[in-house]
């Protein structure tokens, strides 16, 4: 399997990942190659080549329906990027971004959201680290 950083270094692959993320957030159950070609304005062979790399890196899954293939994002491999990147982020910048996002919430809801978010991030990090320590990984 290719190094995750090599895979996401390509701008077209990042564009495909962003498109798949946006469509999954909008409730879409997969995106066809033709939809990706249309949205990005890239040729079908180019999109297919990049989707193969993303499949091999386990960043996308494919569902076949007849002759059509529908791709969906699998974000778990990006945890490695997240783990590498987090130490470089300034915690003051992160807190400012969190605070800006919480401004529109009433104070009790903002406080609750902050607590839940911190707990979820902490739990995710703990589970990821525990899984890395398992034999055979």
C-alpha atoms as a PDB file:
ATOM      1  CA  UNK A   1       0.000   0.000   0.000  1.00  0.00           C
ATOM      2  CA  UNK A   2       1.258   3.476  -0.873  1.00  0.00           C
ATOM      3  CA  UNK A   3       2.170   5.939   1.845  1.00  0.00           C
ATOM      4  CA  UNK A   4      -0.952   7.936   2.750  1.00  0.00           C
ATOM      5  CA  UNK A   5       0.991  11.193   2.413  1.00  0.00           C
ATOM      6  CA  UNK A   6       2.003  10.296  -1.169  1.00  0.00           C
ATOM      7  CA  UNK A   7      -1.607   9.471  -1.986  1.00  0.00           C
ATOM      8  CA  UNK A   8      -3.032  12.770  -0.752  1.00  0.00           C
ATOM      9  CA  UNK A   9      -0.143  14.818  -2.152  1.00  0.00           C
ATOM     10  CA  UNK A  10      -1.888  14.889  -5.528  1.00  0.00           C
ATOM     11  CA  UNK A  11      -4.330  17.768  -5.942  1.00  0.00           C
ATOM     12  CA  UNK A  12      -6.757  15.848  -8.126  1.00  0.00           C
ATOM     13  CA  UNK A  13      -7.019  13.064  -5.541  1.00  0.00           C
ATOM     14  CA  UNK A  14      -7.642  15.655  -2.817  1.00  0.00           C
ATOM     15  CA  UNK A  15     -10.357  17.195  -5.019  1.00  0.00           C
ATOM     16  CA  UNK A  16     -11.972  13.766  -5.429  1.00  0.00           C
ATOM     17  CA  UNK A  17     -11.839  13.139  -1.677  1.00  0.00           C
ATOM     18  CA  UNK A  18     -13.406  16.562  -0.992  1.00  0.00           C
ATOM     19  CA  UNK A  19     -16.158  15.913  -3.524  1.00  0.00           C
ATOM     20  CA  UNK A  20     -16.924  12.515  -1.977  1.00  0.00           C
ATOM     21  CA  UNK A  21     -16.960  14.078   1.495  1.00  0.00           C
ATOM     22  CA  UNK A  22     -19.320  16.854   0.387  1.00  0.00           C
ATOM     23  CA  UNK A  23     -21.670  14.399  -1.304  1.00  0.00           C
ATOM     24  CA  UNK A  24     -21.709  11.998   1.656  1.00  0.00           C
ATOM     25  CA  UNK A  25     -22.450  14.911   3.993  1.00  0.00           C
ATOM     26  CA  UNK A  26     -25.353  15.800   1.687  1.00  0.00           C
ATOM     27  CA  UNK A  27     -26.722  12.272   2.162  1.00  0.00           C
ATOM     28  CA  UNK A  28     -25.621  10.800  -1.174  1.00  0.00           C
ATOM     29  CA  UNK A  29     -25.016   7.046  -1.198  1.00  0.00           C
ATOM     30  CA  UNK A  30     -22.018   6.999  -3.501  1.00  0.00           C
ATOM     31  CA  UNK A  31     -20.870   9.116  -6.412  1.00  0.00           C
ATOM     32  CA  UNK A  32     -20.480   7.802  -9.951  1.00  0.00           C
ATOM     33  CA  UNK A  33     -17.365   8.290 -12.040  1.00  0.00           C
ATOM     34  CA  UNK A  34     -19.366  10.423 -14.479  1.00  0.00           C
ATOM     35  CA  UNK A  35     -20.491  12.697 -11.626  1.00  0.00           C
ATOM     36  CA  UNK A  36     -16.861  13.111 -10.531  1.00  0.00           C
ATOM     37  CA  UNK A  37     -15.756  13.825 -14.122  1.00  0.00           C
ATOM     38  CA  UNK A  38     -18.504  16.416 -14.504  1.00  0.00           C
ATOM     39  CA  UNK A  39     -17.885  18.109 -11.157  1.00  0.00           C
ATOM     40  CA  UNK A  40     -14.105  18.327 -11.517  1.00  0.00           C
ATOM     41  CA  UNK A  41     -13.829  18.860 -15.267  1.00  0.00           C
ATOM     42  CA  UNK A  42     -11.188  16.135 -15.519  1.00  0.00           C
ATOM     43  CA  UNK A  43     -11.134  13.349 -18.121  1.00  0.00           C
ATOM     44  CA  UNK A  44     -12.682   9.969 -17.304  1.00  0.00           C
ATOM     45  CA  UNK A  45      -9.368   8.071 -17.676  1.00  0.00           C
ATOM     46  CA  UNK A  46      -7.684  10.512 -15.284  1.00  0.00           C
ATOM     47  CA  UNK A  47     -10.463  10.144 -12.709  1.00  0.00           C
ATOM     48  CA  UNK A  48     -10.354   6.349 -13.015  1.00  0.00           C
ATOM     49  CA  UNK A  49      -6.572   6.345 -12.518  1.00  0.00           C
ATOM     50  CA  UNK A  50      -6.864   8.443  -9.357  1.00  0.00           C
ATOM     51  CA  UNK A  51      -9.777   6.369  -8.019  1.00  0.00           C
ATOM     52  CA  UNK A  52      -7.627   3.245  -8.384  1.00  0.00           C
ATOM     53  CA  UNK A  53      -4.913   4.837  -6.231  1.00  0.00           C
ATOM     54  CA  UNK A  54      -7.521   5.915  -3.667  1.00  0.00           C
ATOM     55  CA  UNK A  55      -9.030   2.384  -3.619  1.00  0.00           C
ATOM     56  CA  UNK A  56      -5.607   0.811  -3.080  1.00  0.00           C
ATOM     57  CA  UNK A  57      -5.017   3.220  -0.172  1.00  0.00           C
ATOM     58  CA  UNK A  58      -8.426   2.211   1.265  1.00  0.00           C
ATOM     59  CA  UNK A  59      -9.626   5.827   1.100  1.00  0.00           C
ATOM     60  CA  UNK A  60     -12.651   4.996  -1.035  1.00  0.00           C
ATOM     61  CA  UNK A  61     -15.017   2.085  -1.367  1.00  0.00           C
ATOM     62  CA  UNK A  62     -16.785   1.112  -4.554  1.00  0.00           C
ATOM     63  CA  UNK A  63     -20.278  -0.260  -5.054  1.00  0.00           C
ATOM     64  CA  UNK A  64     -21.098  -1.795  -8.427  1.00  0.00           C
ATOM     65  CA  UNK A  65     -24.588  -1.519  -9.913  1.00  0.00           C
ATOM     66  CA  UNK A  66     -24.655  -3.018 -13.377  1.00  0.00           C
ATOM     67  CA  UNK A  67     -21.996  -1.229 -15.394  1.00  0.00           C
ATOM     68  CA  UNK A  68     -21.902   1.723 -13.003  1.00  0.00           C
ATOM     69  CA  UNK A  69     -19.555   2.144 -10.074  1.00  0.00           C
ATOM     70  CA  UNK A  70     -20.373   4.378  -7.122  1.00  0.00           C
ATOM     71  CA  UNK A  71     -17.577   5.598  -4.881  1.00  0.00           C
ATOM     72  CA  UNK A  72     -17.784   6.592  -1.222  1.00  0.00           C
ATOM     73  CA  UNK A  73     -15.219   8.081   1.134  1.00  0.00           C
ATOM     74  CA  UNK A  74     -13.500   5.941   3.768  1.00  0.00           C
ATOM     75  CA  UNK A  75     -11.846   8.487   6.035  1.00  0.00           C
ATOM     76  CA  UNK A  76     -10.207   6.131   8.573  1.00  0.00           C
ATOM     77  CA  UNK A  77      -6.794   6.037   6.810  1.00  0.00           C
ATOM     78  CA  UNK A  78      -6.628   9.819   7.184  1.00  0.00           C
ATOM     79  CA  UNK A  79      -6.278   9.336  10.960  1.00  0.00           C
ATOM     80  CA  UNK A  80      -2.551   8.791  10.342  1.00  0.00           C
ATOM     81  CA  UNK A  81      -2.367  12.248   8.756  1.00  0.00           C
ATOM     82  CA  UNK A  82      -4.361  13.699  11.641  1.00  0.00           C
ATOM     83  CA  UNK A  83      -2.054  12.102  14.218  1.00  0.00           C
ATOM     84  CA  UNK A  84       0.987  13.506  12.444  1.00  0.00           C
ATOM     85  CA  UNK A  85      -0.479  16.974  11.939  1.00  0.00           C
ATOM     86  CA  UNK A  86      -1.987  17.690  15.377  1.00  0.00           C
ATOM     87  CA  UNK A  87       1.336  18.393  17.161  1.00  0.00           C
ATOM     88  CA  UNK A  88       2.049  21.141  14.625  1.00  0.00           C
ATOM     89  CA  UNK A  89      -1.194  22.981  15.266  1.00  0.00           C
ATOM     90  CA  UNK A  90      -1.204  25.876  17.682  1.00  0.00           C
ATOM     91  CA  UNK A  91      -3.711  25.078  20.422  1.00  0.00           C
ATOM     92  CA  UNK A  92      -4.598  28.767  20.673  1.00  0.00           C
ATOM     93  CA  UNK A  93      -5.625  28.708  17.007  1.00  0.00           C
ATOM     94  CA  UNK A  94      -7.700  25.572  17.600  1.00  0.00           C
ATOM     95  CA  UNK A  95      -9.442  27.113  20.611  1.00  0.00           C
ATOM     96  CA  UNK A  96     -10.130  30.323  18.666  1.00  0.00           C
ATOM     97  CA  UNK A  97     -11.678  28.292  15.847  1.00  0.00           C
ATOM     98  CA  UNK A  98     -13.735  26.301  18.350  1.00  0.00           C
ATOM     99  CA  UNK A  99     -14.891  29.496  20.044  1.00  0.00           C
ATOM    100  CA  UNK A 100     -15.841  31.098  16.719  1.00  0.00           C
ATOM    101  CA  UNK A 101     -17.924  28.045  15.864  1.00  0.00           C
ATOM    102  CA  UNK A 102     -19.660  28.149  19.234  1.00  0.00           C
ATOM    103  CA  UNK A 103     -20.547  31.858  19.203  1.00  0.00           C
ATOM    104  CA  UNK A 104     -23.938  31.284  17.606  1.00  0.00           C
ATOM    105  CA  UNK A 105     -24.981  28.777  20.291  1.00  0.00           C
ATOM    106  CA  UNK A 106     -26.542  29.771  23.599  1.00  0.00           C
ATOM    107  CA  UNK A 107     -23.963  29.578  26.404  1.00  0.00           C
ATOM    108  CA  UNK A 108     -25.179  26.305  27.995  1.00  0.00           C
ATOM    109  CA  UNK A 109     -25.313  24.590  24.592  1.00  0.00           C
ATOM    110  CA  UNK A 110     -21.887  25.937  23.621  1.00  0.00           C
ATOM    111  CA  UNK A 111     -20.386  24.654  26.870  1.00  0.00           C
ATOM    112  CA  UNK A 112     -22.013  21.242  26.416  1.00  0.00           C
ATOM    113  CA  UNK A 113     -20.826  21.048  22.809  1.00  0.00           C
ATOM    114  CA  UNK A 114     -17.284  21.892  23.882  1.00  0.00           C
ATOM    115  CA  UNK A 115     -17.290  19.182  26.556  1.00  0.00           C
ATOM    116  CA  UNK A 116     -18.715  16.556  24.209  1.00  0.00           C
ATOM    117  CA  UNK A 117     -16.235  17.488  21.483  1.00  0.00           C
ATOM    118  CA  UNK A 118     -13.259  17.256  23.820  1.00  0.00           C
ATOM    119  CA  UNK A 119     -14.458  13.935  25.228  1.00  0.00           C
ATOM    120  CA  UNK A 120     -15.003  12.513  21.742  1.00  0.00           C
ATOM    121  CA  UNK A 121     -11.576  13.646  20.536  1.00  0.00           C
ATOM    122  CA  UNK A 122      -9.925  12.226  23.631  1.00  0.00           C
ATOM    123  CA  UNK A 123     -11.739   8.898  23.287  1.00  0.00           C
ATOM    124  CA  UNK A 124     -10.912   8.662  19.577  1.00  0.00           C
ATOM    125  CA  UNK A 125      -7.240   9.336  20.255  1.00  0.00           C
ATOM    126  CA  UNK A 126      -7.136   6.793  23.110  1.00  0.00           C
ATOM    127  CA  UNK A 127      -8.791   4.077  21.028  1.00  0.00           C
ATOM    128  CA  UNK A 128      -6.521   4.738  18.046  1.00  0.00           C
ATOM    129  CA  UNK A 129      -3.422   4.531  20.220  1.00  0.00           C
ATOM    130  CA  UNK A 130      -4.664   1.351  21.925  1.00  0.00           C
ATOM    131  CA  UNK A 131      -5.320  -0.282  18.551  1.00  0.00           C
ATOM    132  CA  UNK A 132      -1.812   0.597  17.368  1.00  0.00           C
ATOM    133  CA  UNK A 133      -0.366  -1.270  20.366  1.00  0.00           C
ATOM    134  CA  UNK A 134      -2.159  -4.527  19.600  1.00  0.00           C
ATOM    135  CA  UNK A 135       0.094  -7.388  18.478  1.00  0.00           C
ATOM    136  CA  UNK A 136       0.252  -7.833  14.736  1.00  0.00           C
ATOM    137  CA  UNK A 137      -0.397  -4.175  13.922  1.00  0.00           C
END
